[in-house]
N, C-alpha and C. Protein backbone atom coordinates (compact mmCIF):
# COMPACT_ATOMS: atom_id res chain seq x y z
N MET A 1 0.95 -0.92 -0.02
CA MET A 1 -0.02 0.07 -0.08
C MET A 1 0.94 1.59 -0.19
N PRO A 2 0.53 2.11 -1.18
CA PRO A 2 1.50 3.56 -1.00
C PRO A 2 1.34 4.25 0.39
N ARG A 3 2.54 5.03 0.70
CA ARG A 3 2.35 5.74 2.06
C ARG A 3 1.64 7.08 1.65
N ALA A 4 1.06 7.83 2.50
CA ALA A 4 0.55 8.87 2.50
C ALA A 4 1.45 10.14 1.99
N HIS A 5 1.52 10.93 1.33
CA HIS A 5 2.56 12.09 1.26
C HIS A 5 2.39 12.89 2.67
N ARG A 6 3.92 13.26 2.73
CA ARG A 6 4.06 14.51 3.97
C ARG A 6 4.27 15.99 3.43
N PHE A 7 3.35 16.45 3.74
CA PHE A 7 3.51 18.03 3.36
C PHE A 7 3.95 18.46 5.02
N HIS A 8 4.36 19.53 4.77
CA HIS A 8 3.99 21.13 5.65
C HIS A 8 3.93 22.34 5.39
N LEU A 9 3.45 23.17 6.37
CA LEU A 9 2.90 24.21 6.03
C LEU A 9 3.94 25.09 6.63
N PRO A 10 4.60 26.03 5.99
CA PRO A 10 5.55 27.22 6.31
C PRO A 10 4.27 27.90 7.71
N GLY A 11 5.10 28.38 8.56
CA GLY A 11 4.70 29.27 9.18
C GLY A 11 3.77 28.46 10.83
N ARG A 12 4.00 26.91 10.22
CA ARG A 12 3.18 26.60 11.20
C ARG A 12 4.32 25.66 12.53
N VAL A 13 3.25 25.49 13.72
CA VAL A 13 4.19 24.83 15.00
C VAL A 13 4.17 23.16 14.91
N TYR A 14 5.09 22.37 14.21
CA TYR A 14 4.46 20.88 14.49
C TYR A 14 5.42 19.96 15.61
N HIS A 15 4.41 19.34 16.07
CA HIS A 15 4.70 18.23 17.47
C HIS A 15 5.06 16.97 16.84
N ILE A 16 6.34 16.66 16.36
CA ILE A 16 6.82 15.64 16.05
C ILE A 16 7.36 14.56 16.57
N THR A 17 6.86 13.22 16.31
CA THR A 17 7.20 12.13 17.35
C THR A 17 7.87 11.13 16.20
N ASP A 18 8.91 10.03 16.76
CA ASP A 18 9.35 9.14 15.90
C ASP A 18 10.16 8.15 17.13
N ARG A 19 9.00 7.17 16.49
CA ARG A 19 9.59 6.07 17.37
C ARG A 19 10.65 4.92 17.01
N CYS A 20 10.69 4.14 17.87
CA CYS A 20 11.64 3.00 17.78
C CYS A 20 11.24 1.93 17.01
N HIS A 21 11.72 1.36 15.98
CA HIS A 21 11.10 -0.04 15.43
C HIS A 21 10.35 -0.98 16.36
N ARG A 22 9.36 -0.96 16.35
CA ARG A 22 8.45 -2.16 17.01
C ARG A 22 8.29 -1.51 18.33
N LYS A 23 8.57 -0.29 18.87
CA LYS A 23 8.57 0.60 19.44
C LYS A 23 9.42 -0.58 20.54
N GLN A 24 10.66 -0.89 20.30
CA GLN A 24 11.91 -1.51 21.01
C GLN A 24 12.54 -0.39 21.83
N PHE A 25 13.17 -0.63 22.83
CA PHE A 25 13.76 0.48 23.69
C PHE A 25 15.82 0.56 22.93
N LEU A 26 15.35 0.89 22.02
CA LEU A 26 16.67 0.98 21.53
C LEU A 26 18.03 2.63 21.63
N LEU A 27 17.01 3.28 22.33
CA LEU A 27 17.29 4.51 23.07
C LEU A 27 17.80 4.27 24.34
N LYS A 28 17.67 3.20 24.98
CA LYS A 28 17.81 2.97 26.46
C LYS A 28 19.12 3.22 26.74
N PHE A 29 20.11 3.32 26.01
CA PHE A 29 21.40 3.98 27.13
C PHE A 29 21.57 5.77 26.72
N ALA A 30 22.09 6.22 27.53
CA ALA A 30 22.46 7.80 27.68
C ALA A 30 23.08 7.82 26.68
N ARG A 31 24.15 7.45 25.98
CA ARG A 31 25.02 7.34 25.36
C ARG A 31 24.20 7.46 23.62
N ASP A 32 23.11 7.05 23.55
CA ASP A 32 22.38 6.74 22.23
C ASP A 32 21.42 8.14 22.16
N ARG A 33 20.81 8.24 23.37
CA ARG A 33 20.11 10.02 23.46
C ARG A 33 20.91 10.54 23.40
N ARG A 34 22.14 11.13 23.69
CA ARG A 34 23.52 11.90 23.80
C ARG A 34 23.33 12.00 22.18
N ALA A 35 23.55 10.77 21.43
CA ALA A 35 23.79 11.33 20.22
C ALA A 35 22.76 11.85 19.37
N TRP A 36 21.47 11.11 19.72
CA TRP A 36 19.99 12.34 19.09
C TRP A 36 20.11 13.56 19.35
N VAL A 37 20.48 13.40 20.78
CA VAL A 37 20.36 15.61 20.73
C VAL A 37 21.63 16.23 20.15
N ARG A 38 22.73 15.13 19.95
CA ARG A 38 23.66 16.10 19.29
C ARG A 38 23.09 16.30 17.78
N TRP A 39 22.56 15.48 17.07
CA TRP A 39 22.28 15.17 15.97
C TRP A 39 21.23 16.60 15.44
N LEU A 40 20.49 16.43 16.82
CA LEU A 40 19.56 17.74 16.80
C LEU A 40 20.17 18.93 16.61
N TYR A 41 21.04 19.12 17.33
CA TYR A 41 21.76 20.17 17.41
C TYR A 41 22.55 20.61 16.20
N ARG A 42 23.15 19.69 15.54
CA ARG A 42 23.76 19.68 14.17
C ARG A 42 22.79 20.28 12.97
N SER A 43 21.21 19.17 13.38
CA SER A 43 20.24 20.30 12.32
C SER A 43 19.85 21.37 12.52
N ARG A 44 20.20 21.77 13.56
CA ARG A 44 19.43 23.39 14.04
C ARG A 44 20.72 24.13 13.35
N GLN A 45 22.00 23.52 13.24
CA GLN A 45 23.04 24.54 12.73
C GLN A 45 23.10 24.71 11.23
N ARG A 46 22.99 23.01 10.62
CA ARG A 46 23.33 22.91 9.27
C ARG A 46 21.73 23.32 8.56
N PHE A 47 20.57 23.23 8.78
CA PHE A 47 19.46 23.84 8.26
C PHE A 47 18.75 24.49 8.87
N ALA A 48 18.89 25.52 9.76
CA ALA A 48 17.98 26.68 10.85
C ALA A 48 17.00 25.70 11.42
N LEU A 49 16.92 24.83 11.60
CA LEU A 49 15.72 24.47 12.46
C LEU A 49 15.24 25.25 13.36
N CYS A 50 14.57 25.40 13.65
CA CYS A 50 13.83 26.25 14.57
C CYS A 50 13.18 25.24 15.84
N VAL A 51 13.89 25.11 16.69
CA VAL A 51 13.39 24.14 17.76
C VAL A 51 12.63 24.42 19.06
N LEU A 52 11.51 24.29 19.47
CA LEU A 52 11.12 24.83 20.34
C LEU A 52 10.91 24.11 21.75
N ASN A 53 11.14 22.86 21.67
CA ASN A 53 11.34 21.99 23.06
C ASN A 53 11.38 20.51 22.11
N TYR A 54 11.89 19.57 23.09
CA TYR A 54 12.25 18.09 22.82
C TYR A 54 12.47 17.39 23.81
N GLN A 55 12.45 15.91 23.58
CA GLN A 55 12.74 14.89 24.67
C GLN A 55 12.88 13.82 24.06
N VAL A 56 14.07 13.12 24.19
CA VAL A 56 14.38 11.62 24.07
C VAL A 56 14.07 10.98 24.79
N THR A 57 13.25 9.69 25.03
CA THR A 57 13.11 8.56 25.70
C THR A 57 14.29 7.45 25.59
N SER A 58 13.58 6.32 25.86
CA SER A 58 14.05 4.98 25.34
C SER A 58 13.97 4.70 24.26
N ASN A 59 12.51 4.84 23.55
CA ASN A 59 11.97 4.23 22.71
C ASN A 59 11.45 4.89 21.71
N HIS A 60 11.19 6.51 21.95
CA HIS A 60 10.97 7.51 21.18
C HIS A 60 11.34 9.03 21.15
N ALA A 61 11.06 9.83 20.60
CA ALA A 61 11.50 11.17 20.64
C ALA A 61 10.62 12.00 20.03
N HIS A 62 10.41 13.39 20.84
CA HIS A 62 9.50 14.12 20.69
C HIS A 62 10.05 15.41 20.60
N LEU A 63 9.53 15.95 19.41
CA LEU A 63 9.90 17.64 18.92
C LEU A 63 9.17 18.54 18.47
N LEU A 64 9.37 19.68 19.11
CA LEU A 64 8.54 20.74 18.65
C LEU A 64 9.38 21.57 18.16
N VAL A 65 8.60 21.87 16.93
CA VAL A 65 9.43 22.89 15.58
C VAL A 65 8.32 23.96 15.18
N HIS A 66 9.26 24.80 14.99
CA HIS A 66 8.31 26.14 13.85
C HIS A 66 8.83 25.68 12.81
N ASP A 67 8.28 25.49 11.38
CA ASP A 67 8.25 24.96 10.19
C ASP A 67 8.73 26.83 9.46
N ARG A 68 9.44 26.96 9.15
CA ARG A 68 9.79 28.22 8.32
C ARG A 68 9.90 28.34 7.09
N GLY A 69 9.88 27.35 6.61
CA GLY A 69 9.33 26.56 4.88
C GLY A 69 10.64 26.49 4.02
N GLY A 70 11.46 26.19 4.72
CA GLY A 70 12.53 25.70 3.69
C GLY A 70 12.99 24.38 3.73
N GLY A 71 12.01 23.84 4.05
CA GLY A 71 12.35 22.13 3.86
C GLY A 71 12.92 21.78 5.15
N GLU A 72 13.37 22.58 6.04
CA GLU A 72 14.05 22.18 7.47
C GLU A 72 13.80 21.30 7.71
N VAL A 73 12.51 21.04 8.58
CA VAL A 73 11.86 19.42 8.86
C VAL A 73 12.41 18.40 8.33
N ALA A 74 11.93 18.25 7.28
CA ALA A 74 12.37 17.53 6.54
C ALA A 74 13.53 16.29 6.54
N ARG A 75 14.41 17.14 5.90
CA ARG A 75 15.81 17.32 5.96
C ARG A 75 16.51 16.79 7.55
N SER A 76 16.26 17.83 8.51
CA SER A 76 16.46 17.97 9.88
C SER A 76 16.13 16.32 10.55
N MET A 77 15.36 15.82 10.23
CA MET A 77 14.12 14.30 10.58
C MET A 77 15.53 13.44 9.80
N GLN A 78 15.74 13.41 8.45
CA GLN A 78 16.31 12.89 7.76
C GLN A 78 17.44 12.44 8.14
N LEU A 79 18.72 14.01 8.74
CA LEU A 79 19.55 13.57 9.05
C LEU A 79 20.01 12.86 10.54
N MET A 80 18.80 13.42 11.91
CA MET A 80 18.71 12.98 13.08
C MET A 80 18.68 11.36 12.90
N ALA A 81 17.36 10.98 12.15
CA ALA A 81 17.01 9.83 12.04
C ALA A 81 18.26 8.69 11.18
N GLY A 82 18.87 9.03 10.39
CA GLY A 82 19.69 7.86 9.57
C GLY A 82 20.73 8.26 10.29
N CYS A 83 21.67 9.46 10.89
CA CYS A 83 22.70 9.14 11.56
C CYS A 83 22.78 8.62 13.19
N THR A 84 21.94 8.45 13.84
CA THR A 84 21.23 7.95 14.67
C THR A 84 21.34 6.56 14.32
N GLY A 85 20.04 6.20 13.72
CA GLY A 85 20.38 4.79 13.30
C GLY A 85 21.57 3.76 12.68
N ARG A 86 22.06 4.38 12.03
CA ARG A 86 23.38 3.75 11.65
C ARG A 86 24.60 3.76 12.57
N ALA A 87 24.61 4.76 12.76
CA ALA A 87 25.69 4.73 14.59
C ALA A 87 25.30 3.43 15.38
N TYR A 88 24.05 3.00 15.78
CA TYR A 88 23.71 2.15 16.62
C TYR A 88 23.88 0.88 15.90
N ASN A 89 23.18 0.71 14.91
CA ASN A 89 23.50 -0.22 13.86
C ASN A 89 25.06 -0.69 13.98
N ALA A 90 25.86 -0.09 13.58
CA ALA A 90 27.10 -0.21 13.36
C ALA A 90 27.99 -0.69 15.18
N ARG A 91 27.37 0.29 15.96
CA ARG A 91 28.19 -0.15 16.96
C ARG A 91 27.65 -1.61 17.33
N LYS A 92 26.08 -1.90 17.52
CA LYS A 92 25.79 -3.02 17.59
C LYS A 92 25.81 -4.17 16.42
N GLN A 93 26.76 -3.62 15.51
CA GLN A 93 26.48 -5.36 14.28
C GLN A 93 25.26 -5.41 13.80
N ARG A 94 24.29 -4.65 14.02
CA ARG A 94 22.88 -4.95 13.75
C ARG A 94 22.36 -4.68 12.44
N ARG A 95 21.73 -5.10 11.92
CA ARG A 95 21.17 -4.60 10.58
C ARG A 95 19.79 -4.29 10.47
N GLY A 96 19.19 -3.76 9.57
CA GLY A 96 17.34 -3.17 9.53
C GLY A 96 16.80 -2.09 10.09
N ALA A 97 16.15 -2.05 10.10
CA ALA A 97 15.49 -0.44 10.75
C ALA A 97 15.31 -0.08 12.12
N PHE A 98 15.72 1.14 12.02
CA PHE A 98 15.90 1.41 13.67
C PHE A 98 14.68 2.29 14.33
N TRP A 99 13.89 3.17 13.22
CA TRP A 99 12.86 3.76 13.29
C TRP A 99 11.78 3.20 12.69
N GLU A 100 10.68 3.88 13.45
CA GLU A 100 9.41 2.74 12.86
C GLU A 100 9.01 3.88 11.84
N ASP A 101 8.69 3.35 10.81
CA ASP A 101 8.27 4.09 9.56
C ASP A 101 8.64 5.25 9.69
N PHE A 102 7.76 6.28 9.15
CA PHE A 102 8.28 7.61 9.05
C PHE A 102 7.60 8.46 10.44
N TYR A 103 8.62 9.82 10.68
CA TYR A 103 7.98 10.36 11.60
C TYR A 103 6.81 10.53 11.59
N HIS A 104 5.76 10.85 12.45
CA HIS A 104 4.33 11.57 12.59
C HIS A 104 4.71 13.18 12.88
N ALA A 105 3.81 14.03 12.30
CA ALA A 105 3.93 15.55 12.26
C ALA A 105 2.50 15.97 12.93
N THR A 106 2.19 16.90 13.78
CA THR A 106 0.71 16.90 13.88
C THR A 106 1.17 18.32 14.39
N VAL A 107 0.04 19.33 13.23
CA VAL A 107 -0.18 20.74 13.22
C VAL A 107 -0.22 21.12 14.80
N VAL A 108 -0.02 21.69 15.47
CA VAL A 108 -0.11 22.44 17.00
C VAL A 108 -0.28 23.94 16.42
N ASP A 109 -1.76 24.34 16.87
CA ASP A 109 -2.18 25.57 17.21
C ASP A 109 -1.44 26.46 17.88
N THR A 110 -1.42 27.97 17.89
CA THR A 110 -0.32 28.65 18.78
C THR A 110 -1.42 28.97 19.77
N GLU A 111 -0.93 29.61 21.10
CA GLU A 111 -1.34 30.16 22.06
C GLU A 111 -1.70 28.54 22.87
N GLU A 112 -2.88 28.27 23.46
CA GLU A 112 -3.12 27.31 24.61
C GLU A 112 -2.48 26.19 24.03
N HIS A 113 -3.10 25.83 22.83
CA HIS A 113 -2.32 23.99 22.44
C HIS A 113 -1.37 24.14 22.27
N LEU A 114 -0.20 24.94 21.87
CA LEU A 114 0.64 25.25 22.08
C LEU A 114 1.45 25.06 23.47
N ALA A 115 0.65 25.61 23.96
CA ALA A 115 1.05 25.90 25.64
C ALA A 115 1.06 24.56 26.53
N ARG A 116 0.10 23.27 26.12
CA ARG A 116 -0.10 22.70 26.80
C ARG A 116 0.83 21.22 25.38
N CYS A 117 0.85 21.36 24.59
CA CYS A 117 1.76 20.83 23.92
C CYS A 117 3.13 20.63 24.38
N PHE A 118 3.86 22.15 24.81
CA PHE A 118 4.74 22.39 25.31
C PHE A 118 5.48 21.64 26.42
N THR A 119 4.04 21.65 27.40
CA THR A 119 3.99 20.69 28.64
C THR A 119 4.24 19.47 28.55
N TYR A 120 2.77 18.56 27.63
CA TYR A 120 3.14 18.07 27.48
C TYR A 120 4.10 17.10 27.12
N ILE A 121 5.18 17.57 26.45
CA ILE A 121 6.80 17.21 25.98
C ILE A 121 7.72 17.12 27.23
N ASP A 122 7.66 18.13 27.76
CA ASP A 122 8.46 18.21 29.36
C ASP A 122 8.08 16.74 30.21
N LEU A 123 6.63 16.68 29.97
CA LEU A 123 6.34 15.95 31.26
C LEU A 123 6.25 14.14 31.02
N ASN A 124 6.75 14.07 29.73
CA ASN A 124 6.59 13.00 29.29
C ASN A 124 7.28 11.39 30.27
N MET A 125 8.51 11.84 30.51
CA MET A 125 9.28 10.79 31.14
C MET A 125 8.45 10.74 32.56
N VAL A 126 7.64 11.82 33.13
CA VAL A 126 7.01 11.96 34.66
C VAL A 126 5.63 11.05 34.14
N ARG A 127 5.15 11.10 33.37
CA ARG A 127 4.03 10.38 32.64
C ARG A 127 4.65 8.50 32.81
N ALA A 128 5.57 8.67 32.10
CA ALA A 128 5.98 7.23 32.04
C ALA A 128 6.57 6.24 33.23
N GLY A 129 6.37 7.43 34.13
CA GLY A 129 6.67 6.53 35.82
C GLY A 129 8.42 6.72 35.93
N VAL A 130 9.29 7.35 35.08
CA VAL A 130 10.76 7.07 35.30
C VAL A 130 11.40 8.37 36.56
N VAL A 131 10.57 9.24 36.27
CA VAL A 131 10.71 10.39 36.80
C VAL A 131 10.20 10.89 37.48
N ASP A 132 10.06 12.03 38.48
CA ASP A 132 8.97 12.47 39.19
C ASP A 132 8.90 14.26 38.42
N HIS A 133 10.00 14.21 38.13
CA HIS A 133 9.71 16.13 37.56
C HIS A 133 11.00 16.16 36.32
N PRO A 134 10.28 16.92 35.58
CA PRO A 134 11.44 16.91 34.03
C PRO A 134 13.12 16.91 34.46
N SER A 135 12.95 17.82 35.58
CA SER A 135 14.16 18.04 35.60
C SER A 135 15.42 17.29 36.24
N GLN A 136 14.76 15.98 36.42
CA GLN A 136 15.39 14.31 36.78
C GLN A 136 15.93 13.96 35.29
N TRP A 137 15.16 14.10 34.26
CA TRP A 137 15.58 13.43 33.14
C TRP A 137 16.44 14.56 32.11
N PRO A 138 17.80 13.91 31.65
CA PRO A 138 18.62 15.08 31.05
C PRO A 138 18.59 15.17 29.57
N HIS A 139 17.92 14.31 29.00
CA HIS A 139 17.68 14.51 27.44
C HIS A 139 16.19 15.05 26.94
N CYS A 140 16.28 16.43 27.39
CA CYS A 140 15.21 17.11 26.87
C CYS A 140 15.63 18.69 27.38
N GLY A 141 14.66 19.50 26.42
CA GLY A 141 14.84 20.80 26.25
C GLY A 141 14.48 21.60 27.76
N TYR A 142 14.04 20.60 28.74
CA TYR A 142 13.99 21.71 30.34
C TYR A 142 15.23 22.41 30.33
N HIS A 143 16.48 21.78 30.57
CA HIS A 143 17.30 22.23 31.12
C HIS A 143 17.28 23.36 30.63
N GLU A 144 17.67 23.41 29.06
CA GLU A 144 17.84 24.54 28.27
C GLU A 144 17.19 26.12 29.04
N ILE A 145 15.91 25.81 28.97
CA ILE A 145 14.88 26.53 28.84
C ILE A 145 15.49 27.29 30.82
N GLN A 146 15.41 25.94 31.47
CA GLN A 146 15.93 27.04 32.74
C GLN A 146 17.14 27.41 32.76
N ASN A 147 18.08 26.89 32.26
CA ASN A 147 19.70 27.89 32.39
C ASN A 147 20.15 27.45 31.09
N PRO A 148 19.79 28.60 30.13
CA PRO A 148 20.30 28.55 29.12
C PRO A 148 21.73 28.54 28.90
N PRO A 149 22.64 27.63 27.95
CA PRO A 149 23.71 27.74 27.86
C PRO A 149 24.44 28.51 27.17
N GLN A 150 25.44 28.82 27.48
CA GLN A 150 26.61 29.85 26.39
C GLN A 150 26.65 29.69 25.21
N ARG A 151 26.59 28.34 25.31
CA ARG A 151 27.44 27.76 23.98
C ARG A 151 26.10 26.31 23.64
N TYR A 152 26.28 26.22 22.12
CA TYR A 152 25.24 24.63 21.65
C TYR A 152 24.14 24.61 22.18
N ARG A 153 23.54 26.11 22.14
CA ARG A 153 21.85 26.13 22.33
C ARG A 153 21.21 25.40 21.08
N ILE A 154 19.87 24.52 21.80
CA ILE A 154 19.27 24.20 20.57
C ILE A 154 17.95 24.93 20.49
N ILE A 155 17.38 25.36 21.44
CA ILE A 155 16.11 25.91 21.41
C ILE A 155 15.86 27.11 20.91
N ASP A 156 15.41 27.48 20.11
CA ASP A 156 15.18 29.07 19.64
C ASP A 156 14.36 29.82 20.83
N ARG A 157 15.44 30.07 21.93
CA ARG A 157 14.12 31.03 23.08
C ARG A 157 13.60 32.28 22.39
N ALA A 158 14.21 32.84 21.27
CA ALA A 158 13.14 34.18 20.85
C ALA A 158 12.11 34.05 20.02
N ALA A 159 12.11 32.69 19.52
CA ALA A 159 10.98 32.17 18.67
C ALA A 159 10.12 31.43 19.36
N LEU A 160 10.22 30.60 20.62
CA LEU A 160 9.37 30.14 21.73
C LEU A 160 8.83 31.27 22.43
N ALA A 161 9.75 32.19 22.67
CA ALA A 161 8.46 33.33 23.58
C ALA A 161 7.92 34.10 22.84
N ALA A 162 7.87 34.38 21.78
CA ALA A 162 7.14 35.13 20.75
C ALA A 162 5.78 34.16 20.26
N LEU A 163 5.88 33.02 20.32
CA LEU A 163 4.73 32.27 20.10
C LEU A 163 4.01 31.91 21.29
N LEU A 164 4.50 31.62 22.35
CA LEU A 164 3.79 31.55 23.57
C LEU A 164 3.72 32.90 24.31
N GLU A 165 4.23 34.02 23.49
CA GLU A 165 3.58 35.06 23.85
C GLU A 165 3.78 35.63 25.33
N VAL A 166 4.86 35.46 25.63
CA VAL A 166 5.41 35.87 26.85
C VAL A 166 6.77 36.40 26.57
N GLU A 167 7.77 37.23 27.70
CA GLU A 167 9.03 37.44 27.52
C GLU A 167 9.87 36.59 27.97
N GLU A 168 10.76 36.65 26.83
CA GLU A 168 12.58 35.35 26.69
C GLU A 168 12.63 35.75 28.37
N ASP A 169 12.65 36.55 29.28
CA ASP A 169 13.48 36.06 30.17
C ASP A 169 12.25 35.63 31.23
N GLN A 170 11.52 35.31 31.11
CA GLN A 170 10.17 34.74 31.58
C GLN A 170 9.86 32.95 31.61
N LEU A 171 10.15 33.11 30.58
CA LEU A 171 9.96 31.55 30.02
C LEU A 171 10.58 30.09 31.06
N ALA A 172 11.60 30.32 31.82
CA ALA A 172 11.30 29.54 33.07
C ALA A 172 10.55 29.36 33.83
N ARG A 173 9.99 30.63 34.08
CA ARG A 173 9.18 30.62 35.27
C ARG A 173 7.89 30.32 34.77
N VAL A 174 7.42 30.67 33.60
CA VAL A 174 6.38 30.17 32.83
C VAL A 174 6.31 28.69 33.16
N GLN A 175 7.30 28.30 32.11
CA GLN A 175 7.55 26.31 32.05
C GLN A 175 7.28 25.77 33.49
N ASN A 176 7.67 26.30 34.51
CA ASN A 176 7.97 25.41 35.79
C ASN A 176 6.25 25.84 36.27
N GLU A 177 5.45 27.04 36.46
CA GLU A 177 4.10 27.23 36.18
C GLU A 177 3.24 25.93 35.63
N TRP A 178 3.79 26.01 34.55
CA TRP A 178 2.68 24.94 33.61
C TRP A 178 2.86 23.72 34.26
N ILE A 179 4.21 23.51 34.27
CA ILE A 179 4.68 21.59 34.64
C ILE A 179 3.85 21.74 36.25
N ASP A 180 4.01 22.70 37.19
CA ASP A 180 3.62 22.72 38.36
C ASP A 180 2.26 22.11 38.60
N ALA A 181 1.39 22.83 37.73
CA ALA A 181 -0.06 23.12 37.66
C ALA A 181 -0.35 21.93 37.01
N THR A 182 0.50 21.20 36.06
CA THR A 182 -0.31 19.97 35.58
C THR A 182 -0.08 19.05 36.55
N LEU A 183 1.08 19.09 37.28
CA LEU A 183 1.36 17.91 38.54
C LEU A 183 0.26 18.11 39.70
N LEU A 184 -0.28 19.51 39.74
CA LEU A 184 -0.62 19.16 40.91
C LEU A 184 -2.37 18.69 40.00
N ALA A 185 -2.74 19.19 38.94
CA ALA A 185 -3.77 18.58 38.81
C ALA A 185 -4.29 17.08 38.48
N GLY A 186 -2.74 16.63 37.96
CA GLY A 186 -2.57 15.03 37.68
C GLY A 186 -2.64 14.07 38.81
C-alpha cells in the first residue's frame, strides 16, 4: 500500500514523534540519547531548524518545531534519524530498521494548544513513571529553558517566547508554573 504524501505548511508549529522500530528500547542507553541530541543540534546549525522543545526517551523522541518553509524539518529529521540509526546499528553490529516507519507530525495551533503541547513534551518521562519531575531527565529541552547555555543552544528561545506570547526572560518561570499546575491536577 502506498504511503501518504508528507507536506508541511510554512509558518506552522509541529509536534513530531519518532518511534523506534517495533517500539523497542533502542535508545535505552544514555549515549544513544545524547547522540540523538547532538544530531538535533547539528540539524539546527545546518538547516536552521527552529526547535521549541524536545524530549528523547528510551524508545521514542518528541520534537516541537516551527516550520519556516525551507524544507528544514524534513531534512533535519532525515539527518537525525539516519545518523542515529546508522551509528547504533554499526556499534551493535545490527542490521535493519531503527525507526518505525516515518515520523509523525501534528500541526499545533498557537497559544493554549501550544502551551499544552510544550508541557506535554516536558512531562513525558514523568507520565512514564521514570522520574518525578522533568529536571530529573537529562535528555530534554527543560534544562536549556531553565538554564540557557552560552554555547551549543538547541532551543530558539526568542521564537518560543514570541509564539507563547511571553517575555523571553520569563520562559523558565512560565514553564515551571505550567509543569507544577499539571502535576497538581494529575
